[in-house]
């Protein structure tokens, strides 16, 4: 494998990650470019939403109760 030969000594964990995920990644390439763009942008949006949810949980959220 060219990836193993080129990068295996320097980045063995990355090469293993790619090798393990390759069977799941190849079907993604069969989609049209437009569909792949939507999938990738959706993943980016979900990543941002996850960060926002994490920040809100850490701060305790926004209370809608009035303080007296």
PDB file of N, CA and C in Angstrom:
ATOM      1  N   UNK A   1       0.851  -1.168   0.000  1.00  0.00           N
ATOM      2  CA  UNK A   1       0.000   0.000   0.000  1.00  0.00           C
ATOM      3  C   UNK A   1       0.901   1.237   0.000  1.00  0.00           C
ATOM      4  N   UNK A   2       0.601   2.190  -0.876  1.00  0.00           N
ATOM      5  CA  UNK A   2       1.429   3.387  -0.996  1.00  0.00           C
ATOM      6  C   UNK A   2       1.384   4.239   0.263  1.00  0.00           C
ATOM      7  N   UNK A   3       0.224   4.323   0.887  1.00  0.00           N
ATOM      8  CA  UNK A   3       0.097   5.119   2.104  1.00  0.00           C
ATOM      9  C   UNK A   3       1.011   4.581   3.198  1.00  0.00           C
ATOM     10  N   UNK A   4       1.024   3.277   3.355  1.00  0.00           N
ATOM     11  CA  UNK A   4       1.877   2.640   4.370  1.00  0.00           C
ATOM     12  C   UNK A   4       3.350   2.900   4.077  1.00  0.00           C
ATOM     13  N   UNK A   5       3.729   2.782   2.818  1.00  0.00           N
ATOM     14  CA  UNK A   5       5.128   2.987   2.457  1.00  0.00           C
ATOM     15  C   UNK A   5       5.562   4.434   2.667  1.00  0.00           C
ATOM     16  N   UNK A   6       4.687   5.374   2.317  1.00  0.00           N
ATOM     17  CA  UNK A   6       5.054   6.787   2.385  1.00  0.00           C
ATOM     18  C   UNK A   6       5.002   7.351   3.804  1.00  0.00           C
ATOM     19  N   UNK A   7       4.016   6.945   4.582  1.00  0.00           N
ATOM     20  CA  UNK A   7       3.770   7.601   5.870  1.00  0.00           C
ATOM     21  C   UNK A   7       3.764   6.667   7.075  1.00  0.00           C
ATOM     22  N   UNK A   8       3.848   5.371   6.852  1.00  0.00           N
ATOM     23  CA  UNK A   8       3.714   4.404   7.927  1.00  0.00           C
ATOM     24  C   UNK A   8       4.716   4.533   9.062  1.00  0.00           C
ATOM     25  N   UNK A   9       5.945   4.855   8.746  1.00  0.00           N
ATOM     26  CA  UNK A   9       6.963   4.968   9.802  1.00  0.00           C
ATOM     27  C   UNK A   9       6.758   6.222  10.636  1.00  0.00           C
ATOM     28  N   UNK A  10       6.339   7.314   9.976  1.00  0.00           N
ATOM     29  CA  UNK A  10       6.195   8.583  10.683  1.00  0.00           C
ATOM     30  C   UNK A  10       4.857   8.695  11.413  1.00  0.00           C
ATOM     31  N   UNK A  11       3.789   8.182  10.789  1.00  0.00           N
ATOM     32  CA  UNK A  11       2.439   8.311  11.354  1.00  0.00           C
ATOM     33  C   UNK A  11       1.717   6.962  11.373  1.00  0.00           C
ATOM     34  N   UNK A  12       2.178   6.010  12.153  1.00  0.00           N
ATOM     35  CA  UNK A  12       1.561   4.675  12.123  1.00  0.00           C
ATOM     36  C   UNK A  12       0.098   4.674  12.577  1.00  0.00           C
ATOM     37  N   UNK A  13      -0.269   5.524  13.532  1.00  0.00           N
ATOM     38  CA  UNK A  13      -1.656   5.541  14.014  1.00  0.00           C
ATOM     39  C   UNK A  13      -2.608   6.052  12.932  1.00  0.00           C
ATOM     40  N   UNK A  14      -2.175   7.054  12.176  1.00  0.00           N
ATOM     41  CA  UNK A  14      -3.015   7.608  11.113  1.00  0.00           C
ATOM     42  C   UNK A  14      -3.197   6.581   9.998  1.00  0.00           C
ATOM     43  N   UNK A  15      -2.130   5.902   9.635  1.00  0.00           N
ATOM     44  CA  UNK A  15      -2.215   4.883   8.583  1.00  0.00           C
ATOM     45  C   UNK A  15      -3.157   3.770   9.015  1.00  0.00           C
ATOM     46  N   UNK A  16      -3.090   3.366  10.278  1.00  0.00           N
ATOM     47  CA  UNK A  16      -3.999   2.325  10.786  1.00  0.00           C
ATOM     48  C   UNK A  16      -5.442   2.815  10.768  1.00  0.00           C
ATOM     49  N   UNK A  17      -5.663   4.065  11.149  1.00  0.00           N
ATOM     50  CA  UNK A  17      -7.011   4.636  11.130  1.00  0.00           C
ATOM     51  C   UNK A  17      -7.590   4.608   9.722  1.00  0.00           C
ATOM     52  N   UNK A  18      -6.812   5.048   8.737  1.00  0.00           N
ATOM     53  CA  UNK A  18      -7.281   5.037   7.344  1.00  0.00           C
ATOM     54  C   UNK A  18      -7.546   3.609   6.875  1.00  0.00           C
ATOM     55  N   UNK A  19      -6.634   2.711   7.203  1.00  0.00           N
ATOM     56  CA  UNK A  19      -6.802   1.317   6.764  1.00  0.00           C
ATOM     57  C   UNK A  19      -8.060   0.694   7.356  1.00  0.00           C
ATOM     58  N   UNK A  20      -8.321   0.966   8.625  1.00  0.00           N
ATOM     59  CA  UNK A  20      -9.497   0.403   9.291  1.00  0.00           C
ATOM     60  C   UNK A  20     -10.796   1.007   8.757  1.00  0.00           C
ATOM     61  N   UNK A  21     -10.765   2.273   8.350  1.00  0.00           N
ATOM     62  CA  UNK A  21     -11.975   2.967   7.928  1.00  0.00           C
ATOM     63  C   UNK A  21     -12.197   2.913   6.414  1.00  0.00           C
ATOM     64  N   UNK A  22     -11.246   2.377   5.683  1.00  0.00           N
ATOM     65  CA  UNK A  22     -11.311   2.420   4.222  1.00  0.00           C
ATOM     66  C   UNK A  22     -12.574   1.771   3.677  1.00  0.00           C
ATOM     67  N   UNK A  23     -12.984   0.635   4.206  1.00  0.00           N
ATOM     68  CA  UNK A  23     -14.171  -0.073   3.705  1.00  0.00           C
ATOM     69  C   UNK A  23     -15.439   0.759   3.901  1.00  0.00           C
ATOM     70  N   UNK A  24     -15.463   1.594   4.926  1.00  0.00           N
ATOM     71  CA  UNK A  24     -16.623   2.456   5.155  1.00  0.00           C
ATOM     72  C   UNK A  24     -16.536   3.736   4.334  1.00  0.00           C
ATOM     73  N   UNK A  25     -15.331   4.160   3.975  1.00  0.00           N
ATOM     74  CA  UNK A  25     -15.144   5.413   3.246  1.00  0.00           C
ATOM     75  C   UNK A  25     -15.401   5.260   1.744  1.00  0.00           C
ATOM     76  N   UNK A  26     -15.036   4.141   1.175  1.00  0.00           N
ATOM     77  CA  UNK A  26     -15.151   3.940  -0.269  1.00  0.00           C
ATOM     78  C   UNK A  26     -16.590   4.121  -0.774  1.00  0.00           C
ATOM     79  N   UNK A  27     -17.612   3.591  -0.123  1.00  0.00           N
ATOM     80  CA  UNK A  27     -18.978   3.826  -0.620  1.00  0.00           C
ATOM     81  C   UNK A  27     -19.350   5.311  -0.669  1.00  0.00           C
ATOM     82  N   UNK A  28     -18.792   6.109   0.231  1.00  0.00           N
ATOM     83  CA  UNK A  28     -19.034   7.555   0.231  1.00  0.00           C
ATOM     84  C   UNK A  28     -18.602   8.174  -1.093  1.00  0.00           C
ATOM     85  N   UNK A  29     -17.529   7.663  -1.683  1.00  0.00           N
ATOM     86  CA  UNK A  29     -17.007   8.208  -2.933  1.00  0.00           C
ATOM     87  C   UNK A  29     -17.916   7.928  -4.120  1.00  0.00           C
ATOM     88  N   UNK A  30     -18.830   6.984  -4.001  1.00  0.00           N
ATOM     89  CA  UNK A  30     -19.728   6.678  -5.108  1.00  0.00           C
ATOM     90  C   UNK A  30     -20.853   7.707  -5.250  1.00  0.00           C
ATOM     91  N   UNK A  31     -21.071   8.541  -4.228  1.00  0.00           N
ATOM     92  CA  UNK A  31     -22.066   9.602  -4.327  1.00  0.00           C
ATOM     93  C   UNK A  31     -21.580  10.702  -5.260  1.00  0.00           C
ATOM     94  N   UNK A  32     -22.513  11.425  -5.856  1.00  0.00           N
ATOM     95  CA  UNK A  32     -22.155  12.589  -6.668  1.00  0.00           C
ATOM     96  C   UNK A  32     -21.482  13.638  -5.789  1.00  0.00           C
ATOM     97  N   UNK A  33     -20.705  14.496  -6.426  1.00  0.00           N
ATOM     98  CA  UNK A  33     -19.968  15.534  -5.693  1.00  0.00           C
ATOM     99  C   UNK A  33     -20.923  16.423  -4.903  1.00  0.00           C
ATOM    100  N   UNK A  34     -22.063  16.762  -5.492  1.00  0.00           N
ATOM    101  CA  UNK A  34     -23.018  17.634  -4.812  1.00  0.00           C
ATOM    102  C   UNK A  34     -23.537  16.998  -3.526  1.00  0.00           C
ATOM    103  N   UNK A  35     -23.809  15.714  -3.578  1.00  0.00           N
ATOM    104  CA  UNK A  35     -24.314  15.005  -2.392  1.00  0.00           C
ATOM    105  C   UNK A  35     -23.219  14.920  -1.336  1.00  0.00           C
ATOM    106  N   UNK A  36     -21.982  14.676  -1.751  1.00  0.00           N
ATOM    107  CA  UNK A  36     -20.878  14.631  -0.789  1.00  0.00           C
ATOM    108  C   UNK A  36     -20.692  15.976  -0.107  1.00  0.00           C
ATOM    109  N   UNK A  37     -20.873  17.066  -0.856  1.00  0.00           N
ATOM    110  CA  UNK A  37     -20.758  18.402  -0.256  1.00  0.00           C
ATOM    111  C   UNK A  37     -21.825  18.614   0.804  1.00  0.00           C
ATOM    112  N   UNK A  38     -23.053  18.161   0.527  1.00  0.00           N
ATOM    113  CA  UNK A  38     -24.139  18.301   1.496  1.00  0.00           C
ATOM    114  C   UNK A  38     -23.835  17.484   2.747  1.00  0.00           C
ATOM    115  N   UNK A  39     -23.360  16.271   2.562  1.00  0.00           N
ATOM    116  CA  UNK A  39     -23.032  15.414   3.707  1.00  0.00           C
ATOM    117  C   UNK A  39     -21.941  16.056   4.553  1.00  0.00           C
ATOM    118  N   UNK A  40     -20.898  16.555   3.911  1.00  0.00           N
ATOM    119  CA  UNK A  40     -19.783  17.170   4.651  1.00  0.00           C
ATOM    120  C   UNK A  40     -20.214  18.446   5.343  1.00  0.00           C
ATOM    121  N   UNK A  41     -21.032  19.263   4.677  1.00  0.00           N
ATOM    122  CA  UNK A  41     -21.472  20.509   5.318  1.00  0.00           C
ATOM    123  C   UNK A  41     -22.427  20.208   6.460  1.00  0.00           C
ATOM    124  N   UNK A  42     -23.236  19.165   6.320  1.00  0.00           N
ATOM    125  CA  UNK A  42     -24.133  18.763   7.403  1.00  0.00           C
ATOM    126  C   UNK A  42     -23.322  18.322   8.607  1.00  0.00           C
ATOM    127  N   UNK A  43     -22.249  17.575   8.391  1.00  0.00           N
ATOM    128  CA  UNK A  43     -21.387  17.156   9.493  1.00  0.00           C
ATOM    129  C   UNK A  43     -20.765  18.362  10.183  1.00  0.00           C
ATOM    130  N   UNK A  44     -20.362  19.361   9.409  1.00  0.00           N
ATOM    131  CA  UNK A  44     -19.768  20.565   9.998  1.00  0.00           C
ATOM    132  C   UNK A  44     -20.797  21.317  10.835  1.00  0.00           C
ATOM    133  N   UNK A  45     -22.019  21.410  10.328  1.00  0.00           N
ATOM    134  CA  UNK A  45     -23.089  22.095  11.066  1.00  0.00           C
ATOM    135  C   UNK A  45     -23.387  21.356  12.362  1.00  0.00           C
ATOM    136  N   UNK A  46     -23.455  20.038  12.306  1.00  0.00           N
ATOM    137  CA  UNK A  46     -23.711  19.250  13.508  1.00  0.00           C
ATOM    138  C   UNK A  46     -22.573  19.403  14.510  1.00  0.00           C
ATOM    139  N   UNK A  47     -21.350  19.538  14.034  1.00  0.00           N
ATOM    140  CA  UNK A  47     -20.215  19.749  14.924  1.00  0.00           C
ATOM    141  C   UNK A  47     -20.346  21.076  15.668  1.00  0.00           C
ATOM    142  N   UNK A  48     -20.743  22.117  14.948  1.00  0.00           N
ATOM    143  CA  UNK A  48     -20.946  23.420  15.588  1.00  0.00           C
ATOM    144  C   UNK A  48     -22.072  23.334  16.612  1.00  0.00           C
ATOM    145  N   UNK A  49     -23.169  22.683  16.234  1.00  0.00           N
ATOM    146  CA  UNK A  49     -24.294  22.531  17.163  1.00  0.00           C
ATOM    147  C   UNK A  49     -23.880  21.768  18.420  1.00  0.00           C
ATOM    148  N   UNK A  50     -23.058  20.759  18.274  1.00  0.00           N
ATOM    149  CA  UNK A  50     -22.594  19.997  19.435  1.00  0.00           C
ATOM    150  C   UNK A  50     -21.758  20.874  20.356  1.00  0.00           C
ATOM    151  N   UNK A  51     -20.919  21.727  19.782  1.00  0.00           N
ATOM    152  CA  UNK A  51     -20.112  22.632  20.604  1.00  0.00           C
ATOM    153  C   UNK A  51     -20.996  23.623  21.350  1.00  0.00           C
ATOM    154  N   UNK A  52     -22.022  24.121  20.680  1.00  0.00           N
ATOM    155  CA  UNK A  52     -22.945  25.065  21.327  1.00  0.00           C
ATOM    156  C   UNK A  52     -23.677  24.379  22.476  1.00  0.00           C
ATOM    157  N   UNK A  53     -24.179  23.150  22.228  1.00  0.00           N
ATOM    158  CA  UNK A  53     -24.872  22.416  23.291  1.00  0.00           C
ATOM    159  C   UNK A  53     -23.957  22.173  24.481  1.00  0.00           C
ATOM    160  N   UNK A  54     -22.697  21.829  24.208  1.00  0.00           N
ATOM    161  CA  UNK A  54     -21.740  21.586  25.282  1.00  0.00           C
ATOM    162  C   UNK A  54     -21.493  22.858  26.087  1.00  0.00           C
ATOM    163  N   UNK A  55     -21.361  23.983  25.402  1.00  0.00           N
ATOM    164  CA  UNK A  55     -21.126  25.257  26.095  1.00  0.00           C
ATOM    165  C   UNK A  55     -22.332  25.651  26.938  1.00  0.00           C
ATOM    166  N   UNK A  56     -23.529  25.429  26.412  1.00  0.00           N
ATOM    167  CA  UNK A  56     -24.748  25.769  27.158  1.00  0.00           C
ATOM    168  C   UNK A  56     -24.865  24.901  28.408  1.00  0.00           C
ATOM    169  N   UNK A  57     -24.559  23.612  28.274  1.00  0.00           N
ATOM    170  CA  UNK A  57     -24.607  22.721  29.441  1.00  0.00           C
ATOM    171  C   UNK A  57     -23.595  23.153  30.485  1.00  0.00           C
ATOM    172  N   UNK A  58     -22.403  23.552  30.047  1.00  0.00           N
ATOM    173  CA  UNK A  58     -21.351  23.951  30.986  1.00  0.00           C
ATOM    174  C   UNK A  58     -21.733  25.220  31.739  1.00  0.00           C
ATOM    175  N   UNK A  59     -22.453  26.109  31.100  1.00  0.00           N
ATOM    176  CA  UNK A  59     -22.841  27.365  31.741  1.00  0.00           C
ATOM    177  C   UNK A  59     -24.150  27.223  32.512  1.00  0.00           C
ATOM    178  N   UNK A  60     -24.815  26.128  32.389  1.00  0.00           N
ATOM    179  CA  UNK A  60     -26.050  25.918  33.106  1.00  0.00           C
ATOM    180  C   UNK A  60     -27.292  26.301  32.319  1.00  0.00           C
ATOM    181  N   UNK A  61     -27.121  26.674  31.076  1.00  0.00           N
ATOM    182  CA  UNK A  61     -28.262  26.979  30.241  1.00  0.00           C
ATOM    183  C   UNK A  61     -28.817  28.369  30.476  1.00  0.00           C
ATOM    184  N   UNK A  62     -29.878  28.638  29.799  1.00  0.00           N
ATOM    185  CA  UNK A  62     -30.541  29.933  29.913  1.00  0.00           C
ATOM    186  C   UNK A  62     -31.834  29.711  30.682  1.00  0.00           C
ATOM    187  N   UNK A  63     -31.983  30.414  31.750  1.00  0.00           N
ATOM    188  CA  UNK A  63     -33.174  30.262  32.569  1.00  0.00           C
ATOM    189  C   UNK A  63     -34.269  31.186  32.065  1.00  0.00           C
ATOM    190  N   UNK A  64     -35.486  30.679  32.044  1.00  0.00           N
ATOM    191  CA  UNK A  64     -36.594  31.528  31.646  1.00  0.00           C
ATOM    192  C   UNK A  64     -37.428  31.924  32.861  1.00  0.00           C
ATOM    193  N   UNK A  65     -36.925  31.662  34.042  1.00  0.00           N
ATOM    194  CA  UNK A  65     -37.628  32.022  35.261  1.00  0.00           C
ATOM    195  C   UNK A  65     -37.254  33.437  35.677  1.00  0.00           C
ATOM    196  N   UNK A  66     -38.210  34.161  36.153  1.00  0.00           N
ATOM    197  CA  UNK A  66     -37.953  35.532  36.621  1.00  0.00           C
ATOM    198  C   UNK A  66     -37.390  35.481  38.020  1.00  0.00           C
ATOM    199  N   UNK A  67     -36.420  36.309  38.259  1.00  0.00           N
ATOM    200  CA  UNK A  67     -35.850  36.383  39.609  1.00  0.00           C
ATOM    201  C   UNK A  67     -36.580  37.455  40.388  1.00  0.00           C
ATOM    202  N   UNK A  68     -36.871  37.148  41.623  1.00  0.00           N
ATOM    203  CA  UNK A  68     -37.601  38.095  42.474  1.00  0.00           C
ATOM    204  C   UNK A  68     -36.698  38.637  43.531  1.00  0.00           C
TER     205      UNK A  68
END
